[in-house]
Amino acid sequence: MKSFRRLSDTERRHLLEVLDDRNECRSTVLTSQFEVAVWHDLVGNPTLGDAIMERILTRHHEIALKGETMRPVQKESSGDSTDKRSSREDSSQTPVKGKEW
């Protein structure tokens, strides 16, 4: 895994406050380049990590995207930037964990 920075104490507390305020009354969308399995470690505090993860993972829907990056990729030989885009799977085939909507 690439290096990452854990959340600071202030960031952890702000995140928990936002999640508490929205819990069971509003939707919250989170995006990440990290697998859900490592999110607890990214929080950096076991107690607050448990509280944050409980609020995130209760009644959640997970959509995992697969495929190449949609960002421009550098050509190795010439150094030119090209826009390599892969065909993504049809959204109806995207794996979804949790309740169907």
Protein backbone atom coordinates (compact mmCIF):
# COMPACT_ATOMS: atom_id res chain seq x y z
CA MET A 1 0.00 0.00 0.00
CA LYS A 2 1.22 3.50 -0.75
CA SER A 3 2.06 5.77 2.14
CA PHE A 4 -0.80 7.61 3.74
CA ARG A 5 -1.42 10.02 6.55
CA ARG A 6 -3.71 9.04 9.38
CA LEU A 7 -6.39 11.48 10.48
CA SER A 8 -5.40 13.98 13.16
CA ASP A 9 -7.32 14.05 16.44
CA THR A 10 -9.26 17.13 15.28
CA GLU A 11 -10.09 15.50 11.92
CA ARG A 12 -11.28 12.31 13.67
CA ARG A 13 -13.55 14.25 16.00
CA HIS A 14 -14.97 16.38 13.16
CA LEU A 15 -15.68 13.28 11.06
CA LEU A 16 -17.41 11.56 13.97
CA GLU A 17 -19.50 14.69 14.63
CA VAL A 18 -20.61 14.90 10.99
CA LEU A 19 -21.47 11.20 10.91
CA ASP A 20 -23.39 11.50 14.22
CA ASP A 21 -25.39 14.45 12.92
CA ARG A 22 -26.31 12.61 9.71
CA ASN A 23 -26.79 9.14 11.23
CA GLU A 24 -30.19 7.63 10.32
CA CYS A 25 -31.61 10.93 9.01
CA ARG A 26 -29.51 11.85 5.95
CA SER A 27 -27.44 10.13 3.30
CA THR A 28 -23.67 10.46 3.29
CA VAL A 29 -21.45 9.57 0.34
CA LEU A 30 -17.83 8.61 1.00
CA THR A 31 -15.29 7.86 -1.68
CA SER A 32 -11.84 6.39 -1.22
CA GLN A 33 -8.95 4.83 -3.07
CA PHE A 34 -8.44 2.53 -0.08
CA GLU A 35 -10.23 -0.74 0.61
CA VAL A 36 -12.85 -0.53 3.38
CA ALA A 37 -10.78 -3.08 5.34
CA VAL A 38 -8.02 -0.48 5.97
CA TRP A 39 -10.26 2.49 6.83
CA HIS A 40 -10.09 1.70 10.56
CA ASP A 41 -6.29 1.96 10.43
CA LEU A 42 -6.53 5.28 8.55
CA VAL A 43 -8.54 6.77 11.40
CA GLY A 44 -5.56 6.18 13.69
CA ASN A 45 -7.39 5.83 17.03
CA PRO A 46 -8.96 2.49 18.01
CA THR A 47 -11.82 3.94 20.07
CA LEU A 48 -12.84 6.67 17.64
CA GLY A 49 -12.12 4.31 14.75
CA ASP A 50 -14.69 1.84 16.11
CA ALA A 51 -17.29 4.60 16.53
CA ILE A 52 -16.66 6.06 13.06
CA MET A 53 -16.67 2.67 11.33
CA GLU A 54 -19.88 1.64 13.09
CA ARG A 55 -21.65 4.73 11.75
CA ILE A 56 -20.24 4.24 8.25
CA LEU A 57 -20.90 0.51 7.94
CA THR A 58 -24.38 0.42 9.47
CA ARG A 59 -26.93 0.44 6.63
CA HIS A 60 -24.35 1.10 3.94
CA HIS A 61 -24.14 0.36 0.23
CA GLU A 62 -20.73 -0.37 -1.25
CA ILE A 63 -20.02 0.06 -4.95
CA ALA A 64 -16.60 -1.14 -6.07
CA LEU A 65 -15.44 0.22 -9.43
CA LYS A 66 -13.02 -1.82 -11.49
CA GLY A 67 -10.94 -1.02 -14.54
CA GLU A 68 -8.11 1.21 -15.61
CA THR A 69 -7.75 4.80 -14.48
CA MET A 70 -9.75 7.44 -16.33
CA ARG A 71 -6.91 9.93 -15.88
CA PRO A 72 -4.38 10.64 -18.63
CA VAL A 73 -1.47 8.17 -18.60
CA GLN A 74 2.09 9.09 -19.64
CA LYS A 75 3.56 7.24 -22.62
CA GLU A 76 6.84 5.63 -21.59
CA SER A 77 8.59 6.03 -24.94
CA SER A 78 7.85 9.63 -25.94
CA GLY A 79 6.81 11.29 -22.72
CA ASP A 80 3.59 12.51 -24.36
CA SER A 81 0.40 12.47 -22.35
CA THR A 82 -2.38 10.43 -23.87
CA ASP A 83 -5.86 9.82 -22.68
CA LYS A 84 -6.13 6.04 -22.30
CA ARG A 85 -9.63 5.15 -21.23
CA SER A 86 -10.87 1.65 -20.63
CA SER A 87 -14.38 0.49 -21.17
CA ARG A 88 -16.05 0.19 -17.81
CA GLU A 89 -18.45 -2.58 -16.98
CA ASP A 90 -22.12 -1.74 -17.39
CA SER A 91 -23.41 -0.25 -14.12
CA SER A 92 -25.97 -3.05 -13.87
CA GLN A 93 -23.02 -5.46 -13.50
CA THR A 94 -21.23 -3.42 -10.81
CA PRO A 95 -20.96 -5.44 -7.60
CA VAL A 96 -23.09 -3.93 -4.85
CA LYS A 97 -23.00 -5.09 -1.27
CA GLY A 98 -25.96 -4.39 0.95
CA LYS A 99 -29.54 -3.66 0.06
CA GLU A 100 -30.56 -3.45 -3.60
CA TRP A 101 -32.04 -0.13 -4.64
